[in-house]
Amino acid sequence: MESSSIQIQLAAIEVPEPKKDDTAGVIYWGAKHSFMPTLLDLIRHSPTAAAMTRRRALFVAGSGFTTDADLYPVLAAFLKNVASTGKYRTANKLLRQISKDESKIQAWAMQVVWSKDGKYITELYPQKVKTVAPGPMNEEEEVEYYMLCRDWSKQDKFPPQRIAAFNPRTAKQDKVQLYFWFAEDSDTEYFPELELAPVLNYMKIEGRLSKYHDNRVATRFGIDTIITIQKGPVDEQDPTDATKTISAKSQRDKFTEGIKQKFQGEDAESIFFIWGDGSTDSADKMAKVQSVTTVTAETFKSVAEEAQQAIMSVGGVTSPAVIGLPGSGSLGGNASEIREAYEMYFNSVCKPVQVSILEAFYDDILPYVKGMEDLPGLDEDEPALDIITNLPVKFMFSESTLENILDDDELRSMINYGPAKTPEDDPNQKPQLTEAQAALSGSVGGQSSIDAMLSLLAQKLTTRESCVSRLKIFYGMTEEEAQGIVPQPSTETVEVAPGTIK
């Protein structure tokens, strides 16, 4: 009896250390600068990472840059036309592109074009980070140049091109420079401190699970499987050449290789073969397939949930609903919790990125745009340049909450009603009575007080204006009601005695 097994080579993904390639004269991130394409591929095949980075980019870019065109007409004009050619001619399109790179790699780049005299920046173009490889630092720990390549794995087809690093001091010689920004850390020099580094293997798990389940549906093959072939192959004469023999081993190897090619890696786990010795009857030639795994559907579900939770935790996602995934914080859940989750995620993850982009423009780009040398800084109460924030949750409140926090005019405006007229606007409109006014106007004592007041008026011990005013203030009457109760004054002069009510 013969047996064989397929060995699956598994390896954890680690963030490689940047290394200098003396031949190319650049710093590679991974062999032949392959790490960033590998990272992007992991993100594409991880449902959680793909959703998370896409939503982060949307939140960071928002509705684009904004400025007051009346106060800063030169800035507004520049934002509308940051490039003369290509599809990224506006600053908002540029912002959306660099936000995508930042959300995945925590880095972004753009080509900066200077005027002929090297004094002013005239154009900006986005540059995909995966195409950028920095040159070695000089003695001042500055990168003086970068190399750009469309595909670093095909340098023969796409020869790398040198471009000067952003430096206003050398703009007269280097009319086109590369501005390369990345999230720095104490241990970083050439490339960013990758936020997704702790969960690269979880991202790989999500991608492998997707492929594995697809293959399971297509082939119905079990995992960790023993295939027993009761009647194994025997040495046979080659039907095409009588002088040659087809060995049993070569037949087993061919069969094993065929299975291996189809099911190795994420498409299956391991398959163990047991071959018969050829002594059984022909009726027993049928292979027997026996599953020896203890893995169930719940196992895969548990692994998938663990991977998703790990990726979201590293990405600062406070609720699955924030990135559009189902979960405990789904859109059918508590609206207040969802709003709080969005606010927390935006303020802790996306807002700092917006600030870093604005700082880059304020500190390094806009001061060199003609006409914007004295632009107010980022820390001003009303900055010249900002990013319009867009959150996908509208803040809606219950009717009782609105009634408690809004006045009558604000409530009326929500249903397109104009403000209610006040007694000052219309003297004949009856105002809303206070509790004291209502109690006084509806009591016997209140009526007696009115009679006593009118008696004083008849005795010319008070004035009609005073009576009308008292009825409006203490009884909540309108001007018309008060005028109707108080008799018209006589033409005789009224002398008010000292100490009487006025």
Protein backbone atom coordinates (compact mmCIF):
# COMPACT_ATOMS: atom_id res chain seq x y z
CA MET A 1 0.00 0.00 0.00
CA GLU A 2 1.25 3.47 -0.87
CA SER A 3 0.33 6.80 0.73
CA SER A 4 1.11 10.44 0.03
CA SER A 5 0.03 13.86 1.20
CA ILE A 6 0.04 17.43 -0.11
CA GLN A 7 2.02 19.94 1.94
CA ILE A 8 0.44 23.40 2.08
CA GLN A 9 2.93 26.23 2.48
CA LEU A 10 1.51 28.90 4.82
CA ALA A 11 3.25 32.10 5.84
CA ALA A 12 2.17 35.13 7.86
CA ILE A 13 2.26 38.53 6.19
CA GLU A 14 4.58 41.04 7.80
CA VAL A 15 5.29 44.67 6.96
CA PRO A 16 8.77 44.61 5.40
CA GLU A 17 11.56 46.95 6.42
CA PRO A 18 12.48 49.53 3.77
CA LYS A 19 15.76 48.60 2.12
CA LYS A 20 18.02 50.45 -0.26
CA ASP A 21 18.54 48.99 -3.71
CA ASP A 22 21.94 50.21 -4.86
CA THR A 23 21.29 49.29 -8.47
CA ALA A 24 18.07 51.28 -8.74
CA GLY A 25 19.25 53.98 -6.33
CA VAL A 26 15.98 53.95 -4.40
CA ILE A 27 14.46 52.62 -1.18
CA TYR A 28 12.24 49.61 -1.81
CA TRP A 29 9.33 48.63 0.44
CA GLY A 30 9.38 44.89 -0.04
CA ALA A 31 11.16 42.94 -2.77
CA LYS A 32 11.25 45.09 -5.91
CA HIS A 33 8.95 47.56 -4.16
CA SER A 34 6.13 45.00 -4.07
CA PHE A 35 4.61 45.62 -0.63
CA MET A 36 2.18 48.41 -1.55
CA PRO A 37 0.61 46.43 -4.45
CA THR A 38 0.35 43.46 -2.07
CA LEU A 39 -1.37 45.64 0.53
CA LEU A 40 -3.83 47.04 -1.99
CA ASP A 41 -4.63 43.53 -3.17
CA LEU A 42 -5.33 42.42 0.41
CA ILE A 43 -7.68 45.36 0.87
CA ARG A 44 -9.53 44.61 -2.36
CA HIS A 45 -10.20 41.00 -1.30
CA SER A 46 -11.16 41.83 2.30
CA PRO A 47 -14.82 42.91 2.50
CA THR A 48 -14.30 44.70 5.82
CA ALA A 49 -11.09 46.50 4.87
CA ALA A 50 -12.48 47.48 1.46
CA ALA A 51 -15.64 48.96 2.99
CA MET A 52 -13.71 50.66 5.78
CA THR A 53 -11.13 52.37 3.56
CA ARG A 54 -13.74 53.41 1.01
CA ARG A 55 -15.94 55.03 3.66
CA ARG A 56 -12.94 56.72 5.31
CA ALA A 57 -11.94 58.27 1.99
CA LEU A 58 -15.48 59.56 1.45
CA PHE A 59 -15.63 61.11 4.92
CA VAL A 60 -12.23 62.76 4.60
CA ALA A 61 -12.98 64.29 1.19
CA GLY A 62 -16.52 65.31 2.21
CA SER A 63 -17.99 67.73 -0.30
CA GLY A 64 -14.58 69.12 -1.11
CA PHE A 65 -12.65 72.30 -0.33
CA THR A 66 -14.54 75.48 0.50
CA THR A 67 -13.53 79.13 0.70
CA ASP A 68 -15.17 82.54 0.71
CA ALA A 69 -14.89 83.67 -2.91
CA ASP A 70 -15.60 87.29 -1.96
CA LEU A 71 -12.79 87.44 0.61
CA TYR A 72 -10.33 85.18 -1.22
CA PRO A 73 -11.03 85.41 -4.97
CA VAL A 74 -7.51 84.29 -5.94
CA LEU A 75 -7.80 81.14 -3.80
CA ALA A 76 -11.26 80.36 -5.18
CA ALA A 77 -9.96 80.68 -8.74
CA PHE A 78 -6.99 78.42 -7.99
CA LEU A 79 -9.22 75.72 -6.45
CA LYS A 80 -11.35 75.65 -9.58
CA ASN A 81 -8.35 75.11 -11.83
CA VAL A 82 -5.35 73.47 -10.13
CA ALA A 83 -4.32 71.68 -13.33
CA SER A 84 -4.50 72.56 -17.02
CA THR A 85 -4.75 68.99 -18.35
CA GLY A 86 -6.02 65.59 -17.28
CA LYS A 87 -9.11 64.59 -15.34
CA TYR A 88 -8.10 66.12 -11.99
CA ARG A 89 -8.36 69.78 -12.93
CA THR A 90 -10.22 70.95 -9.81
CA ALA A 91 -8.94 70.85 -6.25
CA ASN A 92 -11.94 68.77 -5.19
CA LYS A 93 -11.06 65.99 -7.64
CA LEU A 94 -7.48 66.14 -6.42
CA LEU A 95 -8.72 65.90 -2.82
CA ARG A 96 -10.84 62.82 -3.54
CA GLN A 97 -7.89 61.06 -5.16
CA ILE A 98 -5.38 61.75 -2.39
CA SER A 99 -8.01 60.75 0.20
CA LYS A 100 -8.22 57.29 -1.37
CA ASP A 101 -4.47 56.73 -1.05
CA GLU A 102 -4.44 58.09 2.50
CA SER A 103 -7.26 55.80 3.62
CA LYS A 104 -5.36 52.70 2.49
CA ILE A 105 -1.67 53.53 2.91
CA GLN A 106 -1.72 56.65 5.15
CA ALA A 107 0.24 58.46 2.48
CA TRP A 108 -0.48 60.62 -0.55
CA ALA A 109 1.51 62.36 -3.22
CA MET A 110 1.10 64.98 -5.92
CA GLN A 111 3.24 66.54 -8.60
CA VAL A 112 3.85 70.25 -8.11
CA VAL A 113 4.49 72.41 -11.18
CA TRP A 114 6.31 75.73 -10.72
CA SER A 115 6.37 78.86 -12.85
CA LYS A 116 9.30 79.45 -15.17
CA ASP A 117 11.03 81.71 -12.66
CA GLY A 118 10.47 79.18 -9.85
CA LYS A 119 8.62 81.67 -7.65
CA TYR A 120 5.06 80.39 -7.82
CA ILE A 121 3.20 77.10 -7.90
CA THR A 122 0.96 76.98 -10.96
CA GLU A 123 -0.39 73.41 -11.09
CA LEU A 124 -1.00 70.31 -8.96
CA TYR A 125 -1.49 66.72 -10.14
CA PRO A 126 -2.19 63.63 -8.01
CA GLN A 127 0.39 60.84 -8.03
CA LYS A 128 -0.50 57.28 -6.96
CA VAL A 129 1.57 56.35 -3.94
CA LYS A 130 2.21 52.79 -5.15
CA THR A 131 4.22 54.24 -8.06
CA VAL A 132 6.57 56.21 -5.77
CA ALA A 133 9.93 55.00 -4.43
CA PRO A 134 12.07 57.51 -2.50
CA GLY A 135 15.74 58.04 -2.99
CA PRO A 136 18.12 57.73 -0.01
CA MET A 137 18.24 60.58 2.52
CA ASN A 138 21.09 63.07 2.43
CA GLU A 139 23.12 64.23 5.42
CA GLU A 140 20.28 66.57 6.46
CA GLU A 141 17.93 63.56 6.49
CA GLU A 142 16.04 64.89 3.49
CA VAL A 143 14.95 62.93 0.43
CA GLU A 144 16.22 64.83 -2.60
CA TYR A 145 14.47 62.84 -5.30
CA TYR A 146 11.96 60.08 -6.00
CA MET A 147 11.60 57.49 -8.72
CA LEU A 148 8.21 56.91 -10.36
CA CYS A 149 7.24 53.66 -12.07
CA ARG A 150 3.82 52.63 -13.30
CA ASP A 151 4.48 48.99 -12.34
CA TRP A 152 7.61 48.17 -10.38
CA SER A 153 7.30 44.48 -11.27
CA LYS A 154 7.65 45.41 -14.97
CA GLN A 155 10.49 47.89 -15.00
CA ASP A 156 11.62 46.73 -18.44
CA LYS A 157 8.26 47.74 -19.85
CA PHE A 158 7.85 50.85 -17.68
CA PRO A 159 11.30 52.35 -16.98
CA PRO A 160 11.37 54.35 -13.71
CA GLN A 161 11.51 58.14 -14.07
CA ARG A 162 13.34 60.46 -11.70
CA ILE A 163 11.55 63.46 -10.16
CA ALA A 164 12.89 66.02 -7.70
CA ALA A 165 11.51 66.14 -4.18
CA PHE A 166 9.39 69.16 -3.20
CA ASN A 167 11.72 72.01 -2.32
CA PRO A 168 10.91 75.68 -3.05
CA ARG A 169 14.65 76.48 -2.90
CA THR A 170 15.34 74.38 -6.00
CA ALA A 171 12.15 75.23 -7.90
CA LYS A 172 13.99 77.36 -10.45
CA GLN A 173 16.02 74.34 -11.58
CA ASP A 174 13.37 71.67 -10.97
CA LYS A 175 10.13 72.94 -12.49
CA VAL A 176 8.26 69.71 -11.61
CA GLN A 177 8.61 68.28 -8.11
CA LEU A 178 6.94 65.57 -6.04
CA TYR A 179 5.19 66.41 -2.78
CA PHE A 180 5.09 63.19 -0.74
CA TRP A 181 3.17 63.19 2.56
CA PHE A 182 2.81 60.30 4.97
CA ALA A 183 1.78 59.74 8.58
CA GLU A 184 5.04 59.85 10.48
CA ASP A 185 5.95 57.94 13.61
CA SER A 186 9.06 57.65 15.74
CA ASP A 187 10.22 54.64 13.73
CA THR A 188 9.38 55.85 10.22
CA GLU A 189 11.73 57.47 7.72
CA TYR A 190 10.73 56.69 4.16
CA PHE A 191 7.21 55.21 4.46
CA PRO A 192 4.20 55.60 6.76
CA GLU A 193 3.42 53.78 9.96
CA LEU A 194 0.79 51.54 8.42
CA GLU A 195 -2.42 51.45 10.48
CA LEU A 196 -3.54 48.11 9.06
CA ALA A 197 -0.24 46.39 9.88
CA PRO A 198 -1.63 44.40 12.88
CA VAL A 199 -4.49 42.93 10.82
CA LEU A 200 -2.87 42.07 7.50
CA ASN A 201 -3.37 38.36 8.20
CA TYR A 202 -7.00 38.89 9.17
CA MET A 203 -7.50 40.66 5.85
CA LYS A 204 -5.90 37.68 4.12
CA ILE A 205 -8.26 35.35 6.03
CA GLU A 206 -11.29 37.24 4.71
CA GLY A 207 -10.01 36.96 1.16
CA ARG A 208 -9.22 33.26 1.53
CA LEU A 209 -12.61 32.52 3.08
CA SER A 210 -14.31 34.11 0.10
CA LYS A 211 -12.33 32.02 -2.38
CA TYR A 212 -12.66 28.89 -0.30
CA HIS A 213 -16.44 29.07 0.00
CA ASP A 214 -16.75 29.75 -3.70
CA ASN A 215 -14.78 26.59 -4.41
CA ARG A 216 -16.79 24.62 -1.86
CA VAL A 217 -20.00 25.53 -3.64
CA ALA A 218 -18.53 24.71 -7.04
CA THR A 219 -16.87 21.36 -6.18
CA ARG A 220 -18.68 20.00 -3.10
CA PHE A 221 -15.31 18.77 -1.84
CA GLY A 222 -14.71 18.38 1.87
CA ILE A 223 -11.78 19.81 3.74
CA ASP A 224 -9.11 17.78 5.53
CA THR A 225 -10.09 14.78 3.42
CA ILE A 226 -8.77 11.27 3.00
CA ILE A 227 -9.23 9.78 -0.45
CA THR A 228 -8.86 6.01 -0.44
CA ILE A 229 -8.37 4.36 -3.83
CA GLN A 230 -9.09 0.69 -3.22
CA LYS A 231 -7.42 -0.45 -6.42
CA GLY A 232 -4.36 1.60 -7.06
CA PRO A 233 -2.61 1.77 -10.43
CA VAL A 234 -0.15 -0.89 -11.56
CA ASP A 235 2.71 -0.80 -14.02
CA GLU A 236 1.30 -0.81 -17.53
CA GLN A 237 2.67 -1.02 -21.02
CA ASP A 238 2.60 2.25 -22.91
CA PRO A 239 -0.04 1.76 -25.62
CA THR A 240 1.86 4.11 -27.93
CA ASP A 241 5.26 2.46 -27.44
CA ALA A 242 5.60 -1.23 -26.66
CA THR A 243 9.14 -0.71 -25.37
CA LYS A 244 8.04 1.64 -22.63
CA THR A 245 6.25 1.02 -19.35
CA ILE A 246 4.01 3.47 -17.50
CA SER A 247 4.85 2.96 -13.84
CA ALA A 248 2.26 2.93 -11.07
CA LYS A 249 4.18 5.73 -9.35
CA SER A 250 3.98 8.02 -12.36
CA GLN A 251 0.24 7.40 -12.54
CA ARG A 252 -0.19 8.22 -8.84
CA ASP A 253 1.95 11.36 -9.19
CA LYS A 254 -0.08 12.55 -12.17
CA PHE A 255 -3.35 12.04 -10.32
CA THR A 256 -2.04 13.69 -7.16
CA GLU A 257 -0.69 16.69 -9.06
CA GLY A 258 -4.04 17.18 -10.78
CA ILE A 259 -5.81 17.26 -7.41
CA LYS A 260 -3.12 19.51 -5.96
CA GLN A 261 -3.41 22.06 -8.75
CA LYS A 262 -7.16 22.25 -8.31
CA PHE A 263 -7.51 22.31 -4.54
CA GLN A 264 -4.31 23.66 -3.00
CA GLY A 265 -4.21 26.82 -0.89
CA GLU A 266 -7.37 28.67 -0.04
CA ASP A 267 -9.33 26.41 -2.40
CA ALA A 268 -8.99 23.54 0.09
CA GLU A 269 -6.95 22.54 3.10
CA SER A 270 -5.14 19.20 2.87
CA ILE A 271 -6.04 16.02 0.99
CA PHE A 272 -4.48 12.73 2.05
CA PHE A 273 -4.32 9.86 -0.45
CA ILE A 274 -4.26 6.12 0.35
CA TRP A 275 -3.62 3.86 -2.63
CA GLY A 276 -4.53 0.19 -2.84
CA ASP A 277 -1.94 -2.37 -3.87
CA GLY A 278 -3.85 -3.54 -6.90
CA SER A 279 -4.87 -6.89 -5.37
CA THR A 280 -8.55 -6.15 -4.91
CA ASP A 281 -11.26 -7.09 -7.34
CA SER A 282 -12.27 -4.71 -10.08
CA ALA A 283 -15.54 -4.07 -8.26
CA ASP A 284 -13.60 -2.24 -5.55
CA LYS A 285 -11.96 0.28 -7.83
CA MET A 286 -14.31 3.03 -6.70
CA ALA A 287 -12.45 5.57 -4.52
CA LYS A 288 -13.76 6.18 -1.04
CA VAL A 289 -13.70 9.75 0.26
CA GLN A 290 -13.70 10.18 4.03
CA SER A 291 -13.81 13.51 5.82
CA VAL A 292 -11.85 13.58 9.06
CA THR A 293 -12.36 17.25 9.93
CA THR A 294 -14.20 18.60 12.96
CA VAL A 295 -14.70 21.97 11.30
CA THR A 296 -18.32 23.08 10.90
CA ALA A 297 -20.08 26.04 9.35
CA GLU A 298 -20.07 27.71 12.77
CA THR A 299 -16.27 27.51 12.81
CA PHE A 300 -16.02 29.51 9.60
CA LYS A 301 -18.59 32.00 10.87
CA SER A 302 -16.65 32.47 14.09
CA VAL A 303 -13.38 33.03 12.22
CA ALA A 304 -15.04 35.51 9.84
CA GLU A 305 -16.54 37.48 12.75
CA GLU A 306 -13.23 37.56 14.58
CA ALA A 307 -11.45 38.84 11.47
CA GLN A 308 -14.07 41.52 10.89
CA GLN A 309 -13.93 42.72 14.49
CA ALA A 310 -10.14 42.88 14.49
CA ILE A 311 -10.03 44.90 11.26
CA MET A 312 -12.68 47.36 12.45
CA SER A 313 -10.97 47.81 15.82
CA VAL A 314 -7.65 48.70 14.22
CA GLY A 315 -9.44 51.05 11.81
CA GLY A 316 -11.14 52.89 14.67
CA VAL A 317 -14.62 51.89 13.50
CA THR A 318 -17.06 52.29 16.40
CA SER A 319 -19.96 50.44 14.79
CA PRO A 320 -20.41 48.26 11.67
CA ALA A 321 -23.07 50.72 10.51
CA VAL A 322 -20.40 53.40 10.13
CA ILE A 323 -18.87 51.53 7.18
CA GLY A 324 -22.14 50.09 5.89
CA LEU A 325 -21.78 46.57 7.32
CA PRO A 326 -24.52 44.65 9.14
CA GLY A 327 -24.12 44.14 12.86
CA SER A 328 -25.32 45.22 16.28
CA GLY A 329 -25.30 48.84 15.21
CA SER A 330 -27.21 48.30 11.97
CA LEU A 331 -29.29 51.04 10.43
CA GLY A 332 -32.41 49.49 11.94
CA GLY A 333 -31.03 49.98 15.45
CA ASN A 334 -31.12 52.90 17.85
CA ALA A 335 -30.76 56.13 15.89
CA SER A 336 -29.01 57.94 18.73
CA GLU A 337 -26.36 55.23 19.02
CA ILE A 338 -25.76 55.33 15.27
CA ARG A 339 -25.30 59.11 15.30
CA GLU A 340 -22.89 58.86 18.21
CA ALA A 341 -20.92 56.14 16.41
CA TYR A 342 -20.62 58.29 13.27
CA GLU A 343 -19.55 61.33 15.27
CA MET A 344 -16.96 59.39 17.26
CA TYR A 345 -15.51 57.77 14.14
CA PHE A 346 -15.38 61.02 12.19
CA ASN A 347 -13.87 63.08 15.00
CA SER A 348 -11.27 60.49 16.04
CA VAL A 349 -10.27 59.10 12.63
CA CYS A 350 -11.33 61.32 9.72
CA LYS A 351 -11.11 64.84 11.14
CA PRO A 352 -7.40 64.53 12.02
CA VAL A 353 -6.72 63.48 8.43
CA GLN A 354 -8.60 66.52 7.13
CA VAL A 355 -6.52 68.73 9.41
CA SER A 356 -3.27 67.17 8.16
CA ILE A 357 -4.27 67.77 4.53
CA LEU A 358 -5.21 71.38 5.27
CA GLU A 359 -1.93 71.88 7.13
CA ALA A 360 -0.01 70.60 4.12
CA PHE A 361 -1.78 73.07 1.83
CA TYR A 362 -1.50 75.99 4.26
CA ASP A 363 2.16 75.42 5.13
CA ASP A 364 3.69 74.19 1.88
CA ILE A 365 1.45 74.89 -1.13
CA LEU A 366 -0.71 78.01 -0.82
CA PRO A 367 2.07 80.39 0.34
CA TYR A 368 3.69 79.83 -3.07
CA VAL A 369 0.56 80.49 -5.13
CA LYS A 370 0.69 83.95 -6.62
CA GLY A 371 -1.54 86.38 -4.75
CA MET A 372 -1.87 84.24 -1.61
CA GLU A 373 1.32 85.09 0.23
CA ASP A 374 -0.57 86.60 3.18
CA LEU A 375 -3.34 84.04 3.48
CA PRO A 376 -4.71 83.66 7.06
CA GLY A 377 -3.54 80.55 8.90
CA LEU A 378 -5.35 77.32 9.64
CA ASP A 379 -5.90 78.21 13.31
CA GLU A 380 -8.00 81.26 12.52
CA ASP A 381 -11.62 81.24 13.68
CA GLU A 382 -12.68 81.48 10.05
CA PRO A 383 -9.92 79.81 7.97
CA ALA A 384 -9.53 80.79 4.36
CA LEU A 385 -9.58 77.13 3.29
CA ASP A 386 -11.61 74.32 4.80
CA ILE A 387 -13.18 70.97 3.89
CA ILE A 388 -16.95 70.60 3.90
CA THR A 389 -17.87 67.71 6.18
CA ASN A 390 -20.49 65.25 5.01
CA LEU A 391 -21.95 62.71 7.43
CA PRO A 392 -24.46 60.17 6.09
CA VAL A 393 -26.76 60.43 9.13
CA LYS A 394 -29.19 63.33 9.37
CA PHE A 395 -29.98 64.49 12.88
CA MET A 396 -33.72 63.94 13.33
CA PHE A 397 -35.49 64.22 16.68
CA SER A 398 -38.88 63.19 18.04
CA GLU A 399 -41.77 65.66 18.15
CA SER A 400 -41.60 65.91 21.94
CA THR A 401 -37.86 66.64 21.82
CA LEU A 402 -38.35 69.33 19.17
CA GLU A 403 -41.13 70.90 21.23
CA ASN A 404 -38.81 71.16 24.22
CA ILE A 405 -35.79 72.63 22.42
CA LEU A 406 -37.38 74.88 19.75
CA ASP A 407 -39.54 77.97 20.10
CA ASP A 408 -42.83 78.46 18.26
CA ASP A 409 -41.31 80.30 15.31
CA GLU A 410 -38.66 77.57 14.77
CA LEU A 411 -41.32 74.87 14.89
CA ARG A 412 -43.51 76.77 12.43
CA SER A 413 -40.57 77.22 10.04
CA MET A 414 -40.03 73.43 9.92
CA ILE A 415 -43.47 73.05 8.32
CA ASN A 416 -43.06 76.13 6.10
CA TYR A 417 -45.29 78.35 8.25
CA GLY A 418 -44.34 81.95 8.87
CA PRO A 419 -43.74 83.27 12.38
CA ALA A 420 -46.84 83.75 14.50
CA LYS A 421 -48.01 87.32 15.00
CA THR A 422 -47.33 88.76 18.43
CA PRO A 423 -49.45 91.32 20.32
CA GLU A 424 -46.90 93.92 19.29
CA ASP A 425 -47.54 93.05 15.63
CA ASP A 426 -51.33 93.01 16.03
CA PRO A 427 -52.87 94.87 19.00
CA ASN A 428 -56.14 92.95 18.53
CA GLN A 429 -54.50 89.51 18.83
CA LYS A 430 -55.11 87.95 22.21
CA PRO A 431 -51.78 86.92 23.80
CA GLN A 432 -51.28 83.61 25.54
CA LEU A 433 -52.27 84.00 29.21
CA THR A 434 -49.87 83.19 31.98
CA GLU A 435 -51.05 81.00 34.84
CA ALA A 436 -51.53 84.06 37.08
CA GLN A 437 -53.46 85.99 34.39
CA ALA A 438 -55.74 83.03 33.73
CA ALA A 439 -56.49 82.60 37.44
CA LEU A 440 -57.21 86.29 37.94
CA SER A 441 -59.39 86.78 34.86
CA GLY A 442 -61.60 83.81 35.72
CA SER A 443 -62.17 84.57 39.40
CA VAL A 444 -64.83 86.53 41.32
CA GLY A 445 -62.07 88.53 42.96
CA GLY A 446 -60.71 89.47 39.60
CA GLN A 447 -64.08 90.83 38.49
CA SER A 448 -64.47 92.77 41.76
CA SER A 449 -61.07 94.36 41.20
CA ILE A 450 -62.15 95.50 37.72
CA ASP A 451 -65.35 97.03 39.17
CA ALA A 452 -63.36 98.84 41.85
CA MET A 453 -60.96 100.18 39.25
CA LEU A 454 -63.82 101.48 37.08
CA SER A 455 -65.33 103.12 40.15
CA LEU A 456 -62.10 105.02 40.73
CA LEU A 457 -62.16 106.08 37.08
CA ALA A 458 -65.74 107.33 37.47
CA GLN A 459 -64.62 109.36 40.49
CA LYS A 460 -61.79 110.75 38.38
CA LEU A 461 -59.25 109.29 40.80
CA THR A 462 -57.34 107.52 38.00
CA THR A 463 -56.95 107.78 34.25
CA ARG A 464 -58.43 105.71 31.45
CA GLU A 465 -54.95 104.86 30.06
CA SER A 466 -53.97 103.44 33.45
CA CYS A 467 -57.07 101.22 33.50
CA VAL A 468 -56.46 99.91 29.99
CA SER A 469 -52.84 99.16 30.83
CA ARG A 470 -53.79 97.29 34.04
CA LEU A 471 -56.35 95.14 32.15
CA LYS A 472 -53.74 94.17 29.56
CA ILE A 473 -50.97 93.46 32.07
CA PHE A 474 -52.83 91.71 34.88
CA TYR A 475 -55.73 90.11 32.95
CA GLY A 476 -54.04 89.34 29.63
CA MET A 477 -56.64 91.27 27.60
CA THR A 478 -56.03 92.52 24.10
CA GLU A 479 -56.06 96.22 23.32
CA GLU A 480 -59.53 95.93 21.82
CA GLU A 481 -60.94 94.05 24.84
CA ALA A 482 -59.51 96.53 27.33
CA GLN A 483 -60.74 99.52 25.34
CA GLY A 484 -64.21 97.96 25.25
CA ILE A 485 -64.41 97.60 29.03
CA VAL A 486 -63.07 101.00 30.04
CA PRO A 487 -65.54 103.85 29.29
CA GLN A 488 -64.47 106.67 27.02
CA PRO A 489 -63.08 109.65 28.93
CA SER A 490 -65.15 112.74 29.51
CA THR A 491 -64.11 116.07 28.10
CA GLU A 492 -63.67 117.50 31.58
CA THR A 493 -60.23 117.82 33.07
CA VAL A 494 -59.43 115.19 35.68
CA GLU A 495 -57.59 116.29 38.77
CA VAL A 496 -55.83 113.47 40.44
CA ALA A 497 -55.53 113.81 44.17
CA PRO A 498 -52.15 113.21 45.80
CA GLY A 499 -51.58 109.54 46.79
CA THR A 500 -54.18 108.11 44.39
CA ILE A 501 -53.45 105.35 41.82
CA LYS A 502 -52.06 106.56 38.51
